[in-house]
Amino acid sequence: MSRLFDPIFGTTAVAAATGDRAWLGALCEAEAALARACARAGVIDLPTALEIGAAGAELAGGDVGALGRGAVAGGNPVIPLVALLRERVRAQAGDHAAAAVHTGATSQDVLDTAMMLLAHRALAVVIAELDGCAAATASLAREHRNTAMAGRTLLQQAVPTTFGALAAVWGAGLDRAVAGLNAVRAELPVQLGGAAGTLATLHPHGLDVLTAFADELALAVPSGVWHTERGVVHQLAGALGTAAASVAKVAGDVVLLAQTELGELSEAASGGSSSMAHKHNPIAAVTARAAALQAPGLVATLLAAGAPELQRGAGPWHAEWPALTALLRAAGGAASRLRVCLTGLRVDEAAMARNLNGLTARTGDVDTGHAGELVDRYLAGRPS
């Protein structure tokens, strides 16, 4: 996290849901939910589960830096967290209760579950920002259904279209991105497999604990153990990458159409220059694009980490944590900045007509084809 750069790239919109404190809270919630699930399956007693939950709630407000330093030796933060939980529970309820902490789980179970919990919450923010963008583009499409402008292919004037038709293209991409994120979010699962993915220490109650664990956290029940089958992460990465691309498309078009030589669009937000007072840069679109352009590399990292070895990845799994966190932040930031760009976006119809005149002088035709009807079709098909 950066207090200097996060506001520029819109990352502050999703920062609270992806920061270290959110990670620690999710880890503690996962441990508490596991204890309650074990109690529901009769593996441990309910008072012990409640003690574990209370201790986790206290540790969620603890020293994140100390936990990180303690994670170095074992390579993940669950190991020192479990030690702290056991220490806290032992002090409150004795050795028997302390022994029930982390019952049946391995570090990856807790960390993967926390990662899904964190993603579930962060996606709510990303989706809300994208929904705002999509609503803004729908309004633009409706208002400018028949506003003629020059269509451009390979950055050269082509044939006439309408600004409404262009906004409909933007909106269709954003709507598709929202639908994709909603679908992935609804299927984010818990992880529980134990040391080698067999739930051996929970046998014969393992599947009951797994179902109760998912229910406790309002996450999906997985079809199996996904310690080294990372399709869940790939689907999430793909949906976030698609969302970032949909933002980059809109932002890039705004930047092009806001050029001085075209002047067809401008942002309501100020976009000054330190050396040129006459400039009005489309800076929200610029920074939305900049945030979105960070996503492909992060998606690639998550895909590259998708072939961990045998029953526990030696490095690939670890690479996912910072990459997915950064991808959520990049996609959320891009959507946040695009929403600022589209809020009050100024459409200069006179400039569009002026630029179109240069095209029609050569073609002698202002036919926009089915542009208006395509706008209507897009609007009619939007999710309610």
Protein backbone atom coordinates (compact mmCIF):
# COMPACT_ATOMS: atom_id res chain seq x y z
CA MET A 1 0.00 0.00 0.00
CA SER A 2 1.19 3.51 -0.77
CA ARG A 3 -0.22 6.70 0.67
CA LEU A 4 1.52 8.55 -2.17
CA PHE A 5 0.29 6.56 -5.17
CA ASP A 6 -2.89 4.76 -4.06
CA PRO A 7 -5.16 7.83 -4.39
CA ILE A 8 -3.85 8.46 -7.92
CA PHE A 9 -4.75 4.98 -9.11
CA GLY A 10 -8.06 4.79 -7.22
CA THR A 11 -6.78 2.01 -5.00
CA THR A 12 -8.18 3.66 -1.89
CA ALA A 13 -11.63 2.42 -2.96
CA VAL A 14 -10.67 -1.19 -2.26
CA ALA A 15 -7.76 -0.65 0.16
CA ALA A 16 -9.65 -1.50 3.34
CA ALA A 17 -10.78 -4.82 1.87
CA THR A 18 -7.31 -5.87 0.70
CA GLY A 19 -4.89 -4.49 3.29
CA ASP A 20 -2.86 -6.35 5.88
CA ARG A 21 -5.53 -5.79 8.50
CA ALA A 22 -8.14 -7.35 6.22
CA TRP A 23 -5.87 -10.35 5.65
CA LEU A 24 -5.29 -10.84 9.38
CA GLY A 25 -9.00 -10.52 10.10
CA ALA A 26 -9.83 -13.11 7.43
CA LEU A 27 -7.24 -15.54 8.80
CA CYS A 28 -8.68 -15.21 12.30
CA GLU A 29 -12.23 -15.61 11.00
CA ALA A 30 -11.23 -18.76 9.15
CA GLU A 31 -9.78 -20.30 12.32
CA ALA A 32 -12.87 -19.34 14.32
CA ALA A 33 -15.22 -20.72 11.67
CA LEU A 34 -13.25 -23.96 11.52
CA ALA A 35 -13.63 -24.37 15.28
CA ARG A 36 -17.39 -23.78 15.09
CA ALA A 37 -17.65 -26.24 12.19
CA CYS A 38 -15.80 -28.86 14.20
CA ALA A 39 -18.20 -28.26 17.09
CA ARG A 40 -21.21 -28.67 14.78
CA ALA A 41 -19.79 -32.02 13.64
CA GLY A 42 -19.14 -33.13 17.20
CA VAL A 43 -15.34 -33.12 16.84
CA ILE A 44 -14.79 -30.54 19.61
CA ASP A 45 -17.16 -29.04 22.16
CA LEU A 46 -18.96 -25.76 21.55
CA PRO A 47 -17.53 -23.84 24.56
CA THR A 48 -14.02 -24.57 23.26
CA ALA A 49 -15.00 -23.38 19.78
CA LEU A 50 -16.33 -20.15 21.25
CA GLU A 51 -13.08 -19.64 23.21
CA ILE A 52 -11.12 -20.03 19.98
CA GLY A 53 -13.39 -17.52 18.26
CA ALA A 54 -12.98 -14.99 21.05
CA ALA A 55 -9.21 -15.37 20.98
CA GLY A 56 -9.21 -14.91 17.20
CA ALA A 57 -11.28 -11.75 17.47
CA GLU A 58 -8.70 -10.32 19.88
CA LEU A 59 -5.76 -11.28 17.66
CA ALA A 60 -7.41 -9.70 14.60
CA GLY A 61 -6.55 -6.33 16.10
CA GLY A 62 -2.99 -7.34 16.90
CA ASP A 63 0.43 -6.47 15.52
CA VAL A 64 0.43 -7.38 11.82
CA GLY A 65 4.12 -6.62 11.47
CA ALA A 66 5.05 -9.00 14.28
CA LEU A 67 3.01 -11.73 12.66
CA GLY A 68 4.77 -11.14 9.36
CA ARG A 69 8.16 -11.37 10.99
CA GLY A 70 7.09 -14.53 12.75
CA ALA A 71 6.01 -16.04 9.42
CA VAL A 72 9.49 -15.99 7.92
CA ALA A 73 10.69 -19.25 9.47
CA GLY A 74 7.75 -21.35 8.25
CA GLY A 75 6.98 -19.42 5.10
CA ASN A 76 3.40 -18.44 5.89
CA PRO A 77 1.57 -16.40 8.56
CA VAL A 78 -0.76 -19.17 9.68
CA ILE A 79 1.99 -20.94 11.63
CA PRO A 80 2.70 -18.06 14.04
CA LEU A 81 -1.00 -17.17 14.16
CA VAL A 82 -1.91 -20.68 15.33
CA ALA A 83 0.82 -20.50 17.97
CA LEU A 84 -0.59 -17.20 19.24
CA LEU A 85 -4.13 -18.59 19.23
CA ARG A 86 -3.11 -21.63 21.22
CA GLU A 87 -1.26 -19.47 23.71
CA ARG A 88 -4.27 -17.19 24.14
CA VAL A 89 -6.76 -20.05 24.43
CA ARG A 90 -4.52 -21.94 26.85
CA ALA A 91 -4.40 -18.92 29.13
CA GLN A 92 -8.19 -18.65 29.10
CA ALA A 93 -9.36 -22.26 28.97
CA GLY A 94 -6.45 -24.63 29.50
CA ASP A 95 -4.43 -27.15 27.51
CA HIS A 96 -7.41 -29.20 26.32
CA ALA A 97 -8.98 -26.18 24.63
CA ALA A 98 -5.64 -25.04 23.21
CA ALA A 99 -5.18 -28.45 21.56
CA ALA A 100 -8.47 -27.92 19.66
CA VAL A 101 -7.14 -24.86 17.79
CA HIS A 102 -6.63 -25.56 14.07
CA THR A 103 -8.22 -29.02 14.38
CA GLY A 104 -7.88 -31.06 11.19
CA ALA A 105 -6.40 -28.23 9.16
CA THR A 106 -3.10 -27.40 7.52
CA SER A 107 -1.77 -23.89 6.98
CA GLN A 108 -2.93 -23.82 3.37
CA ASP A 109 -6.50 -24.59 4.40
CA VAL A 110 -6.67 -21.48 6.53
CA LEU A 111 -4.76 -19.22 4.17
CA ASP A 112 -6.66 -20.28 1.04
CA THR A 113 -9.96 -19.85 2.88
CA ALA A 114 -8.91 -16.43 4.13
CA MET A 115 -7.90 -15.50 0.58
CA MET A 116 -11.34 -16.46 -0.71
CA LEU A 117 -13.03 -14.57 2.12
CA LEU A 118 -10.93 -11.49 1.38
CA ALA A 119 -11.63 -11.78 -2.36
CA HIS A 120 -15.36 -12.17 -1.72
CA ARG A 121 -15.42 -8.89 0.21
CA ALA A 122 -13.12 -6.99 -2.13
CA LEU A 123 -15.14 -8.10 -5.15
CA ALA A 124 -18.21 -6.46 -3.66
CA VAL A 125 -16.37 -3.14 -3.88
CA VAL A 126 -15.01 -3.77 -7.37
CA ILE A 127 -18.43 -4.82 -8.66
CA ALA A 128 -20.10 -1.75 -7.15
CA GLU A 129 -17.60 0.54 -8.89
CA LEU A 130 -18.04 -1.29 -12.22
CA ASP A 131 -21.81 -1.14 -11.84
CA GLY A 132 -21.52 2.62 -11.45
CA CYS A 133 -19.43 2.79 -14.61
CA ALA A 134 -21.90 0.62 -16.52
CA ALA A 135 -24.85 2.77 -15.40
CA ALA A 136 -23.04 5.90 -16.56
CA THR A 137 -22.34 4.43 -19.99
CA ALA A 138 -25.96 3.34 -20.34
CA SER A 139 -27.06 6.92 -19.65
CA LEU A 140 -24.62 8.19 -22.26
CA ALA A 141 -25.86 5.66 -24.80
CA ARG A 142 -29.48 6.61 -24.18
CA GLU A 143 -28.84 10.36 -24.31
CA HIS A 144 -26.65 10.23 -27.41
CA ARG A 145 -28.44 7.49 -29.35
CA ASN A 146 -28.54 9.69 -32.43
CA THR A 147 -25.54 11.97 -31.86
CA ALA A 148 -23.61 11.43 -35.07
CA MET A 149 -19.83 11.27 -34.97
CA ALA A 150 -17.03 9.98 -37.14
CA GLY A 151 -16.29 6.31 -36.69
CA ARG A 152 -12.58 5.56 -36.62
CA THR A 153 -10.77 2.35 -37.55
CA LEU A 154 -7.00 1.98 -37.20
CA LEU A 155 -7.21 5.52 -35.74
CA GLN A 156 -8.32 6.92 -39.11
CA GLN A 157 -11.75 8.28 -39.98
CA ALA A 158 -13.91 5.50 -41.40
CA VAL A 159 -17.71 5.96 -41.73
CA PRO A 160 -20.26 7.72 -39.54
CA THR A 161 -21.56 6.20 -36.31
CA THR A 162 -23.14 7.68 -33.19
CA PHE A 163 -21.65 8.39 -29.81
CA GLY A 164 -24.51 6.38 -28.33
CA ALA A 165 -23.34 3.35 -30.30
CA LEU A 166 -19.81 3.78 -28.96
CA ALA A 167 -21.11 4.12 -25.39
CA ALA A 168 -23.19 0.97 -25.92
CA VAL A 169 -20.00 -0.92 -26.82
CA TRP A 170 -18.40 0.37 -23.62
CA GLY A 171 -21.41 -0.60 -21.55
CA ALA A 172 -21.69 -4.09 -23.01
CA GLY A 173 -18.11 -4.80 -21.99
CA LEU A 174 -18.62 -3.44 -18.50
CA ASP A 175 -21.87 -5.39 -18.05
CA ARG A 176 -20.11 -8.57 -19.14
CA ALA A 177 -17.31 -7.92 -16.68
CA VAL A 178 -19.78 -7.40 -13.84
CA ALA A 179 -21.61 -10.61 -14.71
CA GLY A 180 -18.33 -12.52 -14.78
CA LEU A 181 -17.23 -11.21 -11.40
CA ASN A 182 -20.62 -11.93 -9.85
CA ALA A 183 -20.52 -15.51 -11.15
CA VAL A 184 -17.03 -16.13 -9.79
CA ARG A 185 -17.82 -14.46 -6.49
CA ALA A 186 -20.82 -16.72 -5.92
CA GLU A 187 -18.63 -19.82 -6.28
CA LEU A 188 -15.61 -18.86 -4.15
CA PRO A 189 -15.07 -21.90 -1.90
CA VAL A 190 -13.50 -22.71 1.41
CA GLN A 191 -10.45 -24.96 1.51
CA LEU A 192 -10.11 -27.91 3.87
CA GLY A 193 -8.02 -30.96 3.20
CA GLY A 194 -5.58 -31.40 6.06
CA ALA A 195 -1.93 -32.27 5.74
CA ALA A 196 -2.03 -34.07 2.38
CA GLY A 197 -5.55 -33.34 1.16
CA THR A 198 -7.29 -36.40 2.62
CA LEU A 199 -8.98 -34.92 5.72
CA ALA A 200 -7.39 -37.82 7.57
CA THR A 201 -7.33 -36.28 11.04
CA LEU A 202 -11.03 -35.44 10.78
CA HIS A 203 -12.10 -38.89 9.57
CA PRO A 204 -14.93 -39.94 9.68
CA HIS A 205 -16.33 -36.43 10.19
CA GLY A 206 -14.27 -34.58 7.60
CA LEU A 207 -16.95 -34.00 4.99
CA ASP A 208 -19.42 -32.83 7.63
CA VAL A 209 -16.85 -30.36 8.94
CA LEU A 210 -16.15 -29.15 5.40
CA THR A 211 -19.83 -28.43 4.75
CA ALA A 212 -20.26 -26.68 8.09
CA PHE A 213 -17.06 -24.69 7.52
CA ALA A 214 -18.41 -23.30 4.25
CA ASP A 215 -21.75 -22.52 5.87
CA GLU A 216 -20.08 -20.64 8.72
CA LEU A 217 -18.30 -18.30 6.28
CA ALA A 218 -21.07 -18.10 3.63
CA LEU A 219 -18.64 -19.43 1.04
CA ALA A 220 -19.17 -22.32 -1.38
CA VAL A 221 -18.55 -25.97 -0.58
CA PRO A 222 -15.79 -27.14 -2.95
CA SER A 223 -16.16 -30.27 -5.05
CA GLY A 224 -12.90 -31.49 -3.57
CA VAL A 225 -9.59 -30.37 -2.12
CA TRP A 226 -7.94 -27.76 -4.34
CA HIS A 227 -4.54 -27.43 -2.65
CA THR A 228 -2.76 -28.02 -5.97
CA GLU A 229 -5.66 -27.64 -8.42
CA ARG A 230 -5.86 -23.86 -8.68
CA GLY A 231 -8.72 -23.45 -11.13
CA VAL A 232 -10.59 -21.36 -8.56
CA VAL A 233 -7.77 -18.81 -8.51
CA HIS A 234 -7.46 -18.88 -12.31
CA GLN A 235 -11.16 -18.16 -12.78
CA LEU A 236 -10.94 -15.28 -10.32
CA ALA A 237 -7.83 -13.91 -12.02
CA GLY A 238 -9.44 -14.20 -15.45
CA ALA A 239 -12.59 -12.38 -14.36
CA LEU A 240 -10.56 -9.58 -12.77
CA GLY A 241 -8.35 -9.34 -15.85
CA THR A 242 -11.42 -9.11 -18.07
CA ALA A 243 -12.85 -6.39 -15.85
CA ALA A 244 -9.61 -4.41 -16.05
CA ALA A 245 -9.58 -4.77 -19.84
CA SER A 246 -13.15 -3.47 -20.10
CA VAL A 247 -12.10 -0.42 -18.07
CA ALA A 248 -8.98 0.08 -20.18
CA LYS A 249 -11.08 0.09 -23.37
CA VAL A 250 -13.35 2.87 -22.15
CA ALA A 251 -10.55 4.90 -20.63
CA GLY A 252 -8.43 4.61 -23.75
CA ASP A 253 -11.26 5.82 -25.97
CA VAL A 254 -11.91 8.79 -23.71
CA VAL A 255 -8.23 9.74 -23.80
CA LEU A 256 -8.22 9.62 -27.61
CA LEU A 257 -11.45 11.57 -28.06
CA ALA A 258 -10.32 14.21 -25.55
CA GLN A 259 -7.28 15.13 -27.64
CA THR A 260 -7.14 18.83 -28.48
CA GLU A 261 -7.34 18.07 -32.21
CA LEU A 262 -10.63 16.21 -31.72
CA GLY A 263 -12.11 17.78 -28.58
CA GLU A 264 -15.17 15.53 -28.62
CA LEU A 265 -15.02 14.55 -24.94
CA SER A 266 -13.74 16.15 -21.76
CA GLU A 267 -13.90 15.26 -18.11
CA ALA A 268 -15.75 17.28 -15.52
CA ALA A 269 -12.89 16.59 -13.12
CA SER A 270 -9.94 18.94 -13.31
CA GLY A 271 -6.77 17.67 -14.95
CA GLY A 272 -4.18 20.41 -14.87
CA SER A 273 -0.50 20.53 -15.67
CA SER A 274 2.41 21.77 -13.54
CA SER A 275 3.87 23.70 -16.48
CA MET A 276 1.01 24.35 -18.94
CA ALA A 277 -1.93 26.22 -17.48
CA HIS A 278 -3.99 25.88 -20.64
CA LYS A 279 -4.25 22.09 -20.42
CA HIS A 280 -7.28 20.11 -19.26
CA ASN A 281 -6.03 16.54 -19.18
CA PRO A 282 -8.49 13.61 -18.94
CA ILE A 283 -6.59 12.49 -15.88
CA ALA A 284 -9.23 10.20 -14.41
CA ALA A 285 -9.25 8.23 -17.67
CA VAL A 286 -5.46 8.28 -17.79
CA THR A 287 -5.11 6.86 -14.29
CA ALA A 288 -7.93 4.35 -14.82
CA ARG A 289 -6.01 3.10 -17.82
CA ALA A 290 -2.76 3.06 -15.82
CA ALA A 291 -4.34 0.98 -13.06
CA ALA A 292 -5.91 -1.41 -15.56
CA LEU A 293 -2.61 -1.91 -17.38
CA GLN A 294 -1.14 -3.41 -14.20
CA ALA A 295 -3.62 -6.30 -14.32
CA PRO A 296 -2.29 -8.49 -17.19
CA GLY A 297 1.07 -9.08 -15.55
CA LEU A 298 -0.62 -10.03 -12.29
CA VAL A 299 -2.98 -12.40 -14.11
CA ALA A 300 0.06 -13.96 -15.76
CA THR A 301 1.72 -14.46 -12.37
CA LEU A 302 -1.36 -16.25 -11.04
CA LEU A 303 -1.56 -18.47 -14.12
CA ALA A 304 2.15 -19.23 -13.92
CA ALA A 305 1.64 -20.31 -10.30
CA GLY A 306 -1.09 -22.69 -11.39
CA ALA A 307 0.91 -25.91 -11.55
CA PRO A 308 2.06 -26.58 -7.97
CA GLU A 309 3.87 -29.80 -7.23
CA LEU A 310 2.08 -32.93 -5.98
CA GLN A 311 0.13 -32.26 -2.74
CA ARG A 312 1.66 -28.88 -1.76
CA GLY A 313 3.22 -26.24 -3.95
CA ALA A 314 6.81 -25.27 -3.22
CA GLY A 315 6.65 -21.61 -4.17
CA PRO A 316 3.74 -21.34 -6.63
CA TRP A 317 1.16 -21.20 -3.83
CA HIS A 318 3.14 -18.52 -2.00
CA ALA A 319 3.36 -16.39 -5.15
CA GLU A 320 -0.42 -16.10 -5.29
CA TRP A 321 -0.97 -14.08 -2.11
CA PRO A 322 0.63 -10.77 -3.13
CA ALA A 323 -0.36 -11.17 -6.79
CA LEU A 324 -4.05 -11.68 -6.10
CA THR A 325 -4.07 -8.86 -3.55
CA ALA A 326 -2.47 -6.51 -6.09
CA LEU A 327 -4.87 -7.64 -8.84
CA LEU A 328 -7.92 -6.89 -6.70
CA ARG A 329 -6.45 -3.49 -5.97
CA ALA A 330 -5.61 -2.78 -9.62
CA ALA A 331 -9.05 -3.78 -10.91
CA GLY A 332 -10.84 -1.94 -8.11
CA GLY A 333 -8.71 1.15 -8.58
CA ALA A 334 -9.23 1.16 -12.34
CA ALA A 335 -13.01 0.90 -11.93
CA SER A 336 -13.01 3.65 -9.30
CA ARG A 337 -11.09 6.07 -11.49
CA LEU A 338 -13.22 5.28 -14.54
CA ARG A 339 -16.34 6.03 -12.53
CA VAL A 340 -14.91 9.47 -11.76
CA CYS A 341 -14.14 9.92 -15.46
CA LEU A 342 -17.64 9.01 -16.59
CA THR A 343 -19.43 11.03 -13.92
CA GLY A 344 -20.28 14.27 -15.68
CA LEU A 345 -18.35 13.36 -18.84
CA ARG A 346 -18.81 16.26 -21.24
CA VAL A 347 -19.85 15.38 -24.78
CA ASP A 348 -19.14 18.15 -27.29
CA GLU A 349 -21.73 17.49 -29.99
CA ALA A 350 -20.55 20.51 -31.96
CA ALA A 351 -17.02 19.11 -32.13
CA MET A 352 -18.40 15.74 -33.21
CA ALA A 353 -20.40 17.41 -35.96
CA ARG A 354 -17.40 19.48 -37.03
CA ASN A 355 -15.15 16.44 -37.26
CA LEU A 356 -17.89 14.50 -38.99
CA ASN A 357 -18.19 17.23 -41.64
CA GLY A 358 -14.65 16.52 -42.71
CA LEU A 359 -15.59 12.88 -43.23
CA THR A 360 -18.89 13.49 -44.99
CA ALA A 361 -17.24 16.01 -47.31
CA ARG A 362 -15.27 13.06 -48.65
CA THR A 363 -17.98 10.40 -48.52
CA GLY A 364 -21.07 12.52 -49.11
CA ASP A 365 -23.04 10.35 -46.70
CA VAL A 366 -24.13 10.72 -43.06
CA ASP A 367 -25.77 7.30 -42.87
CA THR A 368 -25.24 5.82 -39.39
CA GLY A 369 -26.83 2.52 -40.35
CA HIS A 370 -28.46 0.63 -37.49
CA ALA A 371 -26.51 2.51 -34.82
CA GLY A 372 -29.63 3.73 -33.03
CA GLU A 373 -31.28 0.32 -33.11
CA LEU A 374 -28.12 -1.29 -31.76
CA VAL A 375 -28.22 1.15 -28.86
CA ASP A 376 -31.83 0.17 -28.21
CA ARG A 377 -30.91 -3.51 -28.28
CA TYR A 378 -28.06 -2.94 -25.81
CA LEU A 379 -30.30 -0.97 -23.43
CA ALA A 380 -33.09 -3.54 -23.61
CA GLY A 381 -30.68 -6.37 -22.84
CA ARG A 382 -29.04 -4.78 -19.82
CA PRO A 383 -29.47 -6.58 -16.51
CA SER A 384 -32.15 -4.93 -14.40
